[in-house]
């Protein structure tokens, strides 16, 4: 399933199903820090953990920095972010990566534009 600004991946390989890892936000952050962020940061990007739902086994991430506007962001999601999380975190059934602008950034832009109009 794909929606604007969001990628959802619902694939878990049989090999990964046999491995057991206790998934917590700390474990996810460790994987991101050690396996994902260094590669993204070398190109001016980053990734943020938005949430981990232990009931649905869903990880939600958000691309940051240069990754947000990069034409290769889908390739980055598939080949780096999702691949590393699936490899190190087999119980994550769904991995969603937000690629659009965050609501905070949109609100800031609207606020700046409204201030200019008021001047």
Protein backbone atom coordinates (compact mmCIF):
# COMPACT_ATOMS: atom_id res chain seq x y z
CA UNK A 1 0.00 0.00 0.00
CA UNK A 2 1.40 3.40 -0.94
CA UNK A 3 0.06 6.83 -0.13
CA UNK A 4 1.48 10.28 -0.78
CA UNK A 5 4.48 10.93 1.40
CA UNK A 6 4.33 7.51 3.02
CA UNK A 7 5.73 4.13 2.23
CA UNK A 8 4.44 1.01 3.92
CA UNK A 9 6.28 -2.27 3.84
CA UNK A 10 4.67 -5.45 5.14
CA UNK A 11 7.30 -8.05 4.34
CA UNK A 12 8.98 -10.39 6.77
CA UNK A 13 11.13 -13.16 5.38
CA UNK A 14 10.94 -16.71 6.74
CA UNK A 15 14.58 -16.51 7.81
CA UNK A 16 13.81 -13.46 9.93
CA UNK A 17 10.81 -15.12 11.55
CA UNK A 18 13.07 -17.61 13.30
CA UNK A 19 15.18 -14.92 15.00
CA UNK A 20 13.91 -13.49 18.26
CA UNK A 21 14.63 -9.93 19.38
CA UNK A 22 12.77 -8.02 22.04
CA UNK A 23 11.74 -4.90 20.22
CA UNK A 24 11.71 -1.63 22.12
CA UNK A 25 12.22 1.95 21.03
CA UNK A 26 15.74 1.69 22.45
CA UNK A 27 16.51 -1.33 20.24
CA UNK A 28 15.14 0.46 17.18
CA UNK A 29 17.18 3.59 17.98
CA UNK A 30 20.31 1.45 18.35
CA UNK A 31 19.74 -0.13 14.94
CA UNK A 32 19.12 3.29 13.41
CA UNK A 33 22.22 4.76 15.09
CA UNK A 34 24.54 1.92 14.14
CA UNK A 35 23.23 0.74 10.76
CA UNK A 36 21.12 3.45 9.13
CA UNK A 37 21.96 6.99 10.28
CA UNK A 38 25.67 6.96 9.39
CA UNK A 39 24.81 6.15 5.78
CA UNK A 40 22.07 8.76 5.55
CA UNK A 41 24.06 11.44 7.38
CA UNK A 42 26.98 11.04 4.99
CA UNK A 43 24.66 12.52 2.33
CA UNK A 44 23.10 15.19 4.57
CA UNK A 45 20.02 13.19 5.52
CA UNK A 46 18.71 11.49 8.62
CA UNK A 47 15.85 9.40 9.91
CA UNK A 48 13.66 9.91 12.97
CA UNK A 49 11.77 7.24 14.89
CA UNK A 50 8.19 8.49 15.07
CA UNK A 51 6.71 5.49 16.87
CA UNK A 52 6.83 1.77 17.62
CA UNK A 53 3.54 0.00 18.30
CA UNK A 54 4.22 -3.27 20.10
CA UNK A 55 0.62 -4.44 19.56
CA UNK A 56 0.57 -4.05 15.77
CA UNK A 57 4.35 -4.54 15.42
CA UNK A 58 4.55 -1.36 13.34
CA UNK A 59 7.54 0.97 13.11
CA UNK A 60 6.91 4.48 11.80
CA UNK A 61 9.89 6.56 10.73
CA UNK A 62 10.34 9.97 9.11
CA UNK A 63 13.09 10.96 6.71
CA UNK A 64 14.86 14.21 7.65
CA UNK A 65 17.29 16.64 6.06
CA UNK A 66 18.32 16.11 2.45
CA UNK A 67 16.49 12.77 2.36
CA UNK A 68 13.13 14.59 2.37
CA UNK A 69 13.62 16.14 -1.03
CA UNK A 70 16.00 13.65 -2.61
CA UNK A 71 14.78 12.02 -5.83
CA UNK A 72 16.37 8.78 -4.60
CA UNK A 73 14.49 8.69 -1.29
CA UNK A 74 12.45 5.62 -2.25
CA UNK A 75 15.64 3.75 -3.10
CA UNK A 76 17.11 4.84 0.25
CA UNK A 77 14.02 3.59 2.05
CA UNK A 78 14.08 0.22 0.30
CA UNK A 79 17.81 -0.50 0.23
CA UNK A 80 18.92 0.98 3.53
CA UNK A 81 16.15 1.76 6.02
CA UNK A 82 13.75 -1.15 5.47
CA UNK A 83 16.49 -3.67 4.68
CA UNK A 84 18.42 -2.95 7.89
CA UNK A 85 15.34 -2.93 10.11
CA UNK A 86 14.02 -6.19 8.66
CA UNK A 87 17.43 -7.80 9.03
CA UNK A 88 17.94 -6.73 12.65
CA UNK A 89 14.32 -6.55 13.80
CA UNK A 90 12.37 -9.52 12.47
CA UNK A 91 9.29 -8.91 14.60
CA UNK A 92 8.57 -5.59 12.90
CA UNK A 93 5.69 -6.63 10.65
CA UNK A 94 5.09 -3.19 9.18
CA UNK A 95 7.64 -0.46 8.52
CA UNK A 96 6.27 2.89 7.39
CA UNK A 97 8.52 5.73 6.33
CA UNK A 98 7.11 9.22 5.98
CA UNK A 99 8.82 11.08 3.18
CA UNK A 100 6.75 14.25 3.00
CA UNK A 101 7.20 17.44 4.95
CA UNK A 102 6.42 17.20 8.63
CA UNK A 103 3.39 19.00 10.02
CA UNK A 104 5.72 21.09 12.22
CA UNK A 105 7.64 22.33 9.19
CA UNK A 106 4.44 23.09 7.30
CA UNK A 107 3.06 25.01 10.30
CA UNK A 108 6.29 27.02 10.55
CA UNK A 109 6.14 27.89 6.85
CA UNK A 110 2.49 28.96 7.15
CA UNK A 111 3.32 31.09 10.18
CA UNK A 112 6.17 32.82 8.33
CA UNK A 113 3.96 33.51 5.31
CA UNK A 114 1.15 34.85 7.48
CA UNK A 115 3.59 37.21 9.27
CA UNK A 116 4.80 38.54 5.91
CA UNK A 117 1.21 39.17 4.80
CA UNK A 118 0.51 41.07 8.03
CA UNK A 119 3.49 43.41 7.51
